[in-house]
C-alpha cells in the first residue's frame, strides 16, 4: 500500500479493528494502552517520513490517539502512616 493511499479514514478503520480485535489465546480485547502503542508506531512512521520529505502531507497530526486513563495508587497512606514515615 502506497503512502498516498493512507489517510485519516484508513487510520480510523485500523483503530476500530484494534478495538474489536481479540487475543487468540484468551479471547480478550487488547488493552487500550496496547492499542495506543500500535497506533503510535504508525503515526511515528509517518512523522519520520514527513520529516525526511518522503511524504508531503502531515495528515497524521490530525489523527487523535486514544487516551489511556491514569491509574492512581490503591493504597494511599493516611495521616498517621505519613507521620510514621516522616518521623
PDB file of N, CA and C in Angstrom:
ATOM      1  N   UNK A   1       0.850  -1.174   0.000  1.00  0.00           N
ATOM      2  CA  UNK A   1       0.000   0.000   0.000  1.00  0.00           C
ATOM      3  C   UNK A   1       0.897   1.238   0.000  1.00  0.00           C
ATOM      4  N   UNK A   2       0.645   2.136  -0.906  1.00  0.00           N
ATOM      5  CA  UNK A   2       1.423   3.368  -1.011  1.00  0.00           C
ATOM      6  C   UNK A   2       0.964   4.367   0.040  1.00  0.00           C
ATOM      7  N   UNK A   3       1.872   5.275   0.405  1.00  0.00           N
ATOM      8  CA  UNK A   3       1.516   6.280   1.407  1.00  0.00           C
ATOM      9  C   UNK A   3       0.413   7.196   0.902  1.00  0.00           C
ATOM     10  N   UNK A   4       0.251   7.310  -0.392  1.00  0.00           N
ATOM     11  CA  UNK A   4      -0.825   8.136  -0.952  1.00  0.00           C
ATOM     12  C   UNK A   4      -2.194   7.542  -0.630  1.00  0.00           C
ATOM     13  N   UNK A   5      -2.241   6.254  -0.337  1.00  0.00           N
ATOM     14  CA  UNK A   5      -3.497   5.583  -0.050  1.00  0.00           C
ATOM     15  C   UNK A   5      -3.871   5.646   1.428  1.00  0.00           C
ATOM     16  N   UNK A   6      -2.961   6.091   2.270  1.00  0.00           N
ATOM     17  CA  UNK A   6      -3.219   6.158   3.701  1.00  0.00           C
ATOM     18  C   UNK A   6      -3.745   7.547   4.039  1.00  0.00           C
ATOM     19  N   UNK A   7      -4.865   7.571   4.774  1.00  0.00           N
ATOM     20  CA  UNK A   7      -5.450   8.840   5.189  1.00  0.00           C
ATOM     21  C   UNK A   7      -6.148   8.641   6.535  1.00  0.00           C
ATOM     22  N   UNK A   8      -6.774   9.688   7.034  1.00  0.00           N
ATOM     23  CA  UNK A   8      -7.427   9.629   8.346  1.00  0.00           C
ATOM     24  C   UNK A   8      -8.494   8.526   8.398  1.00  0.00           C
ATOM     25  N   UNK A   9      -9.375   8.411   7.399  1.00  0.00           N
ATOM     26  CA  UNK A   9     -10.374   7.327   7.477  1.00  0.00           C
ATOM     27  C   UNK A   9      -9.747   5.930   7.570  1.00  0.00           C
ATOM     28  N   UNK A  10      -8.621   5.726   6.911  1.00  0.00           N
ATOM     29  CA  UNK A  10      -7.963   4.421   6.995  1.00  0.00           C
ATOM     30  C   UNK A  10      -7.380   4.206   8.393  1.00  0.00           C
ATOM     31  N   UNK A  11      -6.799   5.237   8.986  1.00  0.00           N
ATOM     32  CA  UNK A  11      -6.285   5.119  10.351  1.00  0.00           C
ATOM     33  C   UNK A  11      -7.432   4.863  11.332  1.00  0.00           C
ATOM     34  N   UNK A  12      -8.570   5.509  11.129  1.00  0.00           N
ATOM     35  CA  UNK A  12      -9.725   5.276  11.992  1.00  0.00           C
ATOM     36  C   UNK A  12     -10.272   3.865  11.826  1.00  0.00           C
ATOM     37  N   UNK A  13     -10.207   3.351  10.606  1.00  0.00           N
ATOM     38  CA  UNK A  13     -10.631   1.965  10.373  1.00  0.00           C
ATOM     39  C   UNK A  13      -9.707   1.002  11.114  1.00  0.00           C
ATOM     40  N   UNK A  14      -8.403   1.280  11.111  1.00  0.00           N
ATOM     41  CA  UNK A  14      -7.452   0.449  11.853  1.00  0.00           C
ATOM     42  C   UNK A  14      -7.708   0.559  13.357  1.00  0.00           C
ATOM     43  N   UNK A  15      -8.051   1.746  13.822  1.00  0.00           N
ATOM     44  CA  UNK A  15      -8.395   1.935  15.228  1.00  0.00           C
ATOM     45  C   UNK A  15      -9.592   1.063  15.606  1.00  0.00           C
ATOM     46  N   UNK A  16     -10.612   1.042  14.771  1.00  0.00           N
ATOM     47  CA  UNK A  16     -11.787   0.192  15.031  1.00  0.00           C
ATOM     48  C   UNK A  16     -11.405  -1.292  14.997  1.00  0.00           C
ATOM     49  N   UNK A  17     -10.510  -1.660  14.089  1.00  0.00           N
ATOM     50  CA  UNK A  17     -10.033  -3.042  14.023  1.00  0.00           C
ATOM     51  C   UNK A  17      -9.355  -3.437  15.332  1.00  0.00           C
ATOM     52  N   UNK A  18      -8.481  -2.556  15.828  1.00  0.00           N
ATOM     53  CA  UNK A  18      -7.792  -2.842  17.091  1.00  0.00           C
ATOM     54  C   UNK A  18      -8.777  -2.949  18.246  1.00  0.00           C
ATOM     55  N   UNK A  19      -9.815  -2.121  18.215  1.00  0.00           N
ATOM     56  CA  UNK A  19     -10.816  -2.139  19.279  1.00  0.00           C
ATOM     57  C   UNK A  19     -11.572  -3.470  19.295  1.00  0.00           C
ATOM     58  N   UNK A  20     -11.860  -4.014  18.110  1.00  0.00           N
ATOM     59  CA  UNK A  20     -12.619  -5.265  18.011  1.00  0.00           C
ATOM     60  C   UNK A  20     -11.737  -6.511  18.102  1.00  0.00           C
ATOM     61  N   UNK A  21     -10.438  -6.346  17.919  1.00  0.00           N
ATOM     62  CA  UNK A  21      -9.509  -7.476  17.892  1.00  0.00           C
ATOM     63  C   UNK A  21      -9.539  -8.241  19.214  1.00  0.00           C
ATOM     64  N   UNK A  22      -9.472  -9.564  19.131  1.00  0.00           N
ATOM     65  CA  UNK A  22      -9.427 -10.432  20.310  1.00  0.00           C
ATOM     66  C   UNK A  22      -8.138 -11.240  20.283  1.00  0.00           C
ATOM     67  N   UNK A  23      -7.501 -11.352  21.445  1.00  0.00           N
ATOM     68  CA  UNK A  23      -6.281 -12.144  21.567  1.00  0.00           C
ATOM     69  C   UNK A  23      -6.663 -13.613  21.438  1.00  0.00           C
ATOM     70  N   UNK A  24      -5.956 -14.351  20.612  1.00  0.00           N
ATOM     71  CA  UNK A  24      -6.328 -15.731  20.284  1.00  0.00           C
ATOM     72  C   UNK A  24      -6.298 -16.656  21.505  1.00  0.00           C
ATOM     73  N   UNK A  25      -5.324 -16.513  22.370  1.00  0.00           N
ATOM     74  CA  UNK A  25      -5.171 -17.484  23.463  1.00  0.00           C
ATOM     75  C   UNK A  25      -6.210 -17.342  24.566  1.00  0.00           C
ATOM     76  N   UNK A  26      -6.786 -16.120  24.741  1.00  0.00           N
ATOM     77  CA  UNK A  26      -7.753 -15.970  25.838  1.00  0.00           C
ATOM     78  C   UNK A  26      -9.014 -15.197  25.429  1.00  0.00           C
ATOM     79  N   UNK A  27      -9.131 -14.852  24.177  1.00  0.00           N
ATOM     80  CA  UNK A  27     -10.310 -14.175  23.627  1.00  0.00           C
ATOM     81  C   UNK A  27     -10.636 -12.862  24.343  1.00  0.00           C
ATOM     82  N   UNK A  28      -9.607 -12.187  24.850  1.00  0.00           N
ATOM     83  CA  UNK A  28      -9.791 -10.879  25.490  1.00  0.00           C
ATOM     84  C   UNK A  28      -9.424  -9.777  24.513  1.00  0.00           C
ATOM     85  N   UNK A  29     -10.022  -8.619  24.653  1.00  0.00           N
ATOM     86  CA  UNK A  29      -9.654  -7.499  23.776  1.00  0.00           C
ATOM     87  C   UNK A  29      -8.279  -6.946  24.142  1.00  0.00           C
ATOM     88  N   UNK A  30      -7.688  -6.216  23.218  1.00  0.00           N
ATOM     89  CA  UNK A  30      -6.416  -5.560  23.508  1.00  0.00           C
ATOM     90  C   UNK A  30      -6.647  -4.447  24.510  1.00  0.00           C
ATOM     91  N   UNK A  31      -5.699  -4.257  25.395  1.00  0.00           N
ATOM     92  CA  UNK A  31      -5.798  -3.155  26.345  1.00  0.00           C
ATOM     93  C   UNK A  31      -5.677  -1.835  25.577  1.00  0.00           C
ATOM     94  N   UNK A  32      -6.259  -0.808  26.124  1.00  0.00           N
ATOM     95  CA  UNK A  32      -6.231   0.496  25.481  1.00  0.00           C
ATOM     96  C   UNK A  32      -4.793   0.980  25.289  1.00  0.00           C
ATOM     97  N   UNK A  33      -3.936   0.693  26.240  1.00  0.00           N
ATOM     98  CA  UNK A  33      -2.533   1.103  26.121  1.00  0.00           C
ATOM     99  C   UNK A  33      -1.850   0.390  24.945  1.00  0.00           C
ATOM    100  N   UNK A  34      -2.190  -0.869  24.704  1.00  0.00           N
ATOM    101  CA  UNK A  34      -1.636  -1.616  23.576  1.00  0.00           C
ATOM    102  C   UNK A  34      -2.145  -1.040  22.259  1.00  0.00           C
ATOM    103  N   UNK A  35      -3.431  -0.723  22.219  1.00  0.00           N
ATOM    104  CA  UNK A  35      -3.988  -0.106  21.013  1.00  0.00           C
ATOM    105  C   UNK A  35      -3.263   1.198  20.712  1.00  0.00           C
ATOM    106  N   UNK A  36      -3.061   1.996  21.750  1.00  0.00           N
ATOM    107  CA  UNK A  36      -2.385   3.287  21.581  1.00  0.00           C
ATOM    108  C   UNK A  36      -0.954   3.100  21.080  1.00  0.00           C
ATOM    109  N   UNK A  37      -0.220   2.131  21.648  1.00  0.00           N
ATOM    110  CA  UNK A  37       1.162   1.903  21.220  1.00  0.00           C
ATOM    111  C   UNK A  37       1.228   1.492  19.753  1.00  0.00           C
ATOM    112  N   UNK A  38       0.303   0.660  19.317  1.00  0.00           N
ATOM    113  CA  UNK A  38       0.307   0.224  17.914  1.00  0.00           C
ATOM    114  C   UNK A  38       0.005   1.379  16.975  1.00  0.00           C
ATOM    115  N   UNK A  39      -0.907   2.250  17.380  1.00  0.00           N
ATOM    116  CA  UNK A  39      -1.218   3.422  16.568  1.00  0.00           C
ATOM    117  C   UNK A  39      -0.076   4.432  16.592  1.00  0.00           C
ATOM    118  N   UNK A  40       0.599   4.549  17.731  1.00  0.00           N
ATOM    119  CA  UNK A  40       1.742   5.463  17.828  1.00  0.00           C
ATOM    120  C   UNK A  40       2.876   5.019  16.907  1.00  0.00           C
ATOM    121  N   UNK A  41       3.048   3.730  16.749  1.00  0.00           N
ATOM    122  CA  UNK A  41       4.091   3.225  15.854  1.00  0.00           C
ATOM    123  C   UNK A  41       3.825   3.687  14.423  1.00  0.00           C
ATOM    124  N   UNK A  42       2.579   3.632  14.018  1.00  0.00           N
ATOM    125  CA  UNK A  42       2.218   4.039  12.655  1.00  0.00           C
ATOM    126  C   UNK A  42       2.361   5.549  12.482  1.00  0.00           C
ATOM    127  N   UNK A  43       1.818   6.313  13.442  1.00  0.00           N
ATOM    128  CA  UNK A  43       1.906   7.773  13.316  1.00  0.00           C
ATOM    129  C   UNK A  43       3.361   8.244  13.423  1.00  0.00           C
ATOM    130  N   UNK A  44       4.175   7.546  14.207  1.00  0.00           N
ATOM    131  CA  UNK A  44       5.601   7.901  14.289  1.00  0.00           C
ATOM    132  C   UNK A  44       6.306   7.640  12.966  1.00  0.00           C
ATOM    133  N   UNK A  45       5.937   6.569  12.306  1.00  0.00           N
ATOM    134  CA  UNK A  45       6.499   6.282  10.988  1.00  0.00           C
ATOM    135  C   UNK A  45       6.160   7.415  10.012  1.00  0.00           C
ATOM    136  N   UNK A  46       4.895   7.837   9.993  1.00  0.00           N
ATOM    137  CA  UNK A  46       4.504   8.919   9.093  1.00  0.00           C
ATOM    138  C   UNK A  46       5.186  10.236   9.472  1.00  0.00           C
ATOM    139  N   UNK A  47       5.383  10.459  10.747  1.00  0.00           N
ATOM    140  CA  UNK A  47       6.082  11.663  11.197  1.00  0.00           C
ATOM    141  C   UNK A  47       7.512  11.664  10.652  1.00  0.00           C
ATOM    142  N   UNK A  48       8.171  10.516  10.734  1.00  0.00           N
ATOM    143  CA  UNK A  48       9.546  10.402  10.237  1.00  0.00           C
ATOM    144  C   UNK A  48       9.585  10.549   8.708  1.00  0.00           C
ATOM    145  N   UNK A  49       8.631   9.940   8.014  1.00  0.00           N
ATOM    146  CA  UNK A  49       8.582  10.072   6.555  1.00  0.00           C
ATOM    147  C   UNK A  49       8.343  11.523   6.148  1.00  0.00           C
ATOM    148  N   UNK A  50       7.505  12.220   6.889  1.00  0.00           N
ATOM    149  CA  UNK A  50       7.242  13.631   6.601  1.00  0.00           C
ATOM    150  C   UNK A  50       8.481  14.471   6.904  1.00  0.00           C
ATOM    151  N   UNK A  51       9.192  14.147   7.966  1.00  0.00           N
ATOM    152  CA  UNK A  51      10.405  14.870   8.344  1.00  0.00           C
ATOM    153  C   UNK A  51      11.447  14.801   7.224  1.00  0.00           C
ATOM    154  N   UNK A  52      11.578  13.644   6.615  1.00  0.00           N
ATOM    155  CA  UNK A  52      12.555  13.464   5.530  1.00  0.00           C
ATOM    156  C   UNK A  52      11.973  13.772   4.151  1.00  0.00           C
ATOM    157  N   UNK A  53      10.820  14.410   4.109  1.00  0.00           N
ATOM    158  CA  UNK A  53      10.157  14.821   2.856  1.00  0.00           C
ATOM    159  C   UNK A  53       9.871  13.656   1.917  1.00  0.00           C
ATOM    160  N   UNK A  54       9.676  12.485   2.476  1.00  0.00           N
ATOM    161  CA  UNK A  54       9.279  11.341   1.670  1.00  0.00           C
ATOM    162  C   UNK A  54       7.793  11.437   1.369  1.00  0.00           C
ATOM    163  N   UNK A  55       7.036  11.937   2.349  1.00  0.00           N
ATOM    164  CA  UNK A  55       5.626  12.259   2.106  1.00  0.00           C
ATOM    165  C   UNK A  55       5.444  13.749   2.389  1.00  0.00           C
ATOM    166  N   UNK A  56       4.538  14.370   1.672  1.00  0.00           N
ATOM    167  CA  UNK A  56       4.340  15.819   1.807  1.00  0.00           C
ATOM    168  C   UNK A  56       3.239  16.170   2.797  1.00  0.00           C
ATOM    169  N   UNK A  57       2.286  15.290   2.975  1.00  0.00           N
ATOM    170  CA  UNK A  57       1.135  15.580   3.819  1.00  0.00           C
ATOM    171  C   UNK A  57       1.438  15.283   5.283  1.00  0.00           C
ATOM    172  N   UNK A  58       0.867  16.085   6.162  1.00  0.00           N
ATOM    173  CA  UNK A  58       1.013  15.838   7.595  1.00  0.00           C
ATOM    174  C   UNK A  58      -0.341  15.462   8.208  1.00  0.00           C
ATOM    175  N   UNK A  59      -1.112  14.687   7.461  1.00  0.00           N
ATOM    176  CA  UNK A  59      -2.454  14.272   7.883  1.00  0.00           C
ATOM    177  C   UNK A  59      -2.437  13.542   9.222  1.00  0.00           C
ATOM    178  N   UNK A  60      -1.357  12.835   9.524  1.00  0.00           N
ATOM    179  CA  UNK A  60      -1.258  12.038  10.741  1.00  0.00           C
ATOM    180  C   UNK A  60      -1.380  12.895  12.000  1.00  0.00           C
ATOM    181  N   UNK A  61      -1.057  14.189  11.916  1.00  0.00           N
ATOM    182  CA  UNK A  61      -1.156  15.062  13.083  1.00  0.00           C
ATOM    183  C   UNK A  61      -2.598  15.325  13.481  1.00  0.00           C
ATOM    184  N   UNK A  62      -3.517  15.173  12.544  1.00  0.00           N
ATOM    185  CA  UNK A  62      -4.938  15.396  12.824  1.00  0.00           C
ATOM    186  C   UNK A  62      -5.600  14.168  13.435  1.00  0.00           C
ATOM    187  N   UNK A  63      -4.904  13.044  13.424  1.00  0.00           N
ATOM    188  CA  UNK A  63      -5.442  11.802  13.965  1.00  0.00           C
ATOM    189  C   UNK A  63      -5.233  11.777  15.473  1.00  0.00           C
ATOM    190  N   UNK A  64      -6.320  11.635  16.222  1.00  0.00           N
ATOM    191  CA  UNK A  64      -6.221  11.613  17.678  1.00  0.00           C
ATOM    192  C   UNK A  64      -6.068  10.186  18.182  1.00  0.00           C
ATOM    193  N   UNK A  65      -5.044   9.993  18.976  1.00  0.00           N
ATOM    194  CA  UNK A  65      -4.817   8.692  19.582  1.00  0.00           C
ATOM    195  C   UNK A  65      -5.756   8.524  20.775  1.00  0.00           C
ATOM    196  N   UNK A  66      -6.141   7.284  21.072  1.00  0.00           N
ATOM    197  CA  UNK A  66      -6.993   7.070  22.253  1.00  0.00           C
ATOM    198  C   UNK A  66      -6.243   7.442  23.522  1.00  0.00           C
ATOM    199  N   UNK A  67      -6.960   8.013  24.446  1.00  0.00           N
ATOM    200  CA  UNK A  67      -6.357   8.407  25.727  1.00  0.00           C
ATOM    201  C   UNK A  67      -6.452   7.249  26.713  1.00  0.00           C
ATOM    202  N   UNK A  68      -5.349   7.016  27.384  1.00  0.00           N
ATOM    203  CA  UNK A  68      -5.291   5.965  28.392  1.00  0.00           C
ATOM    204  C   UNK A  68      -5.447   6.630  29.760  1.00  0.00           C
ATOM    205  N   UNK A  69      -6.445   6.217  30.529  1.00  0.00           N
ATOM    206  CA  UNK A  69      -6.618   6.837  31.848  1.00  0.00           C
ATOM    207  C   UNK A  69      -5.438   6.513  32.763  1.00  0.00           C
ATOM    208  N   UNK A  70      -5.138   7.465  33.610  1.00  0.00           N
ATOM    209  CA  UNK A  70      -4.048   7.255  34.563  1.00  0.00           C
ATOM    210  C   UNK A  70      -4.569   6.489  35.765  1.00  0.00           C
ATOM    211  N   UNK A  71      -3.758   5.567  36.227  1.00  0.00           N
ATOM    212  CA  UNK A  71      -4.121   4.780  37.400  1.00  0.00           C
ATOM    213  C   UNK A  71      -3.489   5.392  38.641  1.00  0.00           C
ATOM    214  N   UNK A  72      -4.290   5.592  39.641  1.00  0.00           N
ATOM    215  CA  UNK A  72      -3.792   6.115  40.904  1.00  0.00           C
ATOM    216  C   UNK A  72      -3.501   4.955  41.839  1.00  0.00           C
ATOM    217  N   UNK A  73      -2.592   5.164  42.793  1.00  0.00           N
ATOM    218  CA  UNK A  73      -2.272   4.077  43.723  1.00  0.00           C
ATOM    219  C   UNK A  73      -3.499   3.652  44.521  1.00  0.00           C
ATOM    220  N   UNK A  74      -3.589   2.363  44.779  1.00  0.00           N
ATOM    221  CA  UNK A  74      -4.728   1.831  45.522  1.00  0.00           C
ATOM    222  C   UNK A  74      -4.617   2.122  47.016  1.00  0.00           C
ATOM    223  N   UNK A  75      -3.422   2.022  47.535  1.00  0.00           N
ATOM    224  CA  UNK A  75      -3.219   2.189  48.973  1.00  0.00           C
ATOM    225  C   UNK A  75      -2.527   3.520  49.246  1.00  0.00           C
ATOM    226  N   UNK A  76      -3.312   4.524  49.499  1.00  0.00           N
ATOM    227  CA  UNK A  76      -2.771   5.831  49.849  1.00  0.00           C
ATOM    228  C   UNK A  76      -2.676   5.891  51.370  1.00  0.00           C
ATOM    229  N   UNK A  77      -1.491   6.196  51.895  1.00  0.00           N
ATOM    230  CA  UNK A  77      -1.352   6.213  53.359  1.00  0.00           C
ATOM    231  C   UNK A  77      -2.194   7.325  53.980  1.00  0.00           C
ATOM    232  N   UNK A  78      -2.720   7.030  55.152  1.00  0.00           N
ATOM    233  CA  UNK A  78      -3.481   8.061  55.863  1.00  0.00           C
ATOM    234  C   UNK A  78      -2.522   8.931  56.668  1.00  0.00           C
ATOM    235  N   UNK A  79      -3.064   9.866  57.398  1.00  0.00           N
ATOM    236  CA  UNK A  79      -2.251  10.851  58.115  1.00  0.00           C
ATOM    237  C   UNK A  79      -1.302  10.201  59.124  1.00  0.00           C
ATOM    238  N   UNK A  80      -1.782   9.225  59.856  1.00  0.00           N
ATOM    239  CA  UNK A  80      -0.948   8.555  60.863  1.00  0.00           C
ATOM    240  C   UNK A  80       0.219   7.814  60.219  1.00  0.00           C
ATOM    241  N   UNK A  81      -0.027   7.146  59.114  1.00  0.00           N
ATOM    242  CA  UNK A  81       1.035   6.421  58.420  1.00  0.00           C
ATOM    243  C   UNK A  81       2.079   7.376  57.851  1.00  0.00           C
ATOM    244  N   UNK A  82       1.638   8.517  57.370  1.00  0.00           N
ATOM    245  CA  UNK A  82       2.576   9.502  56.851  1.00  0.00           C
ATOM    246  C   UNK A  82       3.447  10.042  57.979  1.00  0.00           C
ATOM    247  N   UNK A  83       2.856  10.262  59.148  1.00  0.00           N
ATOM    248  CA  UNK A  83       3.630  10.720  60.306  1.00  0.00           C
ATOM    249  C   UNK A  83       4.698   9.706  60.678  1.00  0.00           C
ATOM    250  N   UNK A  84       4.365   8.415  60.633  1.00  0.00           N
ATOM    251  CA  UNK A  84       5.348   7.372  60.927  1.00  0.00           C
ATOM    252  C   UNK A  84       6.492   7.368  59.925  1.00  0.00           C
ATOM    253  N   UNK A  85       6.170   7.636  58.681  1.00  0.00           N
ATOM    254  CA  UNK A  85       7.190   7.640  57.640  1.00  0.00           C
ATOM    255  C   UNK A  85       8.114   8.842  57.814  1.00  0.00           C
ATOM    256  N   UNK A  86       7.547   9.992  58.113  1.00  0.00           N
ATOM    257  CA  UNK A  86       8.325  11.219  58.222  1.00  0.00           C
ATOM    258  C   UNK A  86       9.209  11.207  59.460  1.00  0.00           C
ATOM    259  N   UNK A  87       8.710  10.700  60.564  1.00  0.00           N
ATOM    260  CA  UNK A  87       9.454  10.765  61.833  1.00  0.00           C
ATOM    261  C   UNK A  87      10.126   9.493  62.150  1.00  0.00           C
TER     262      UNK A  87
END
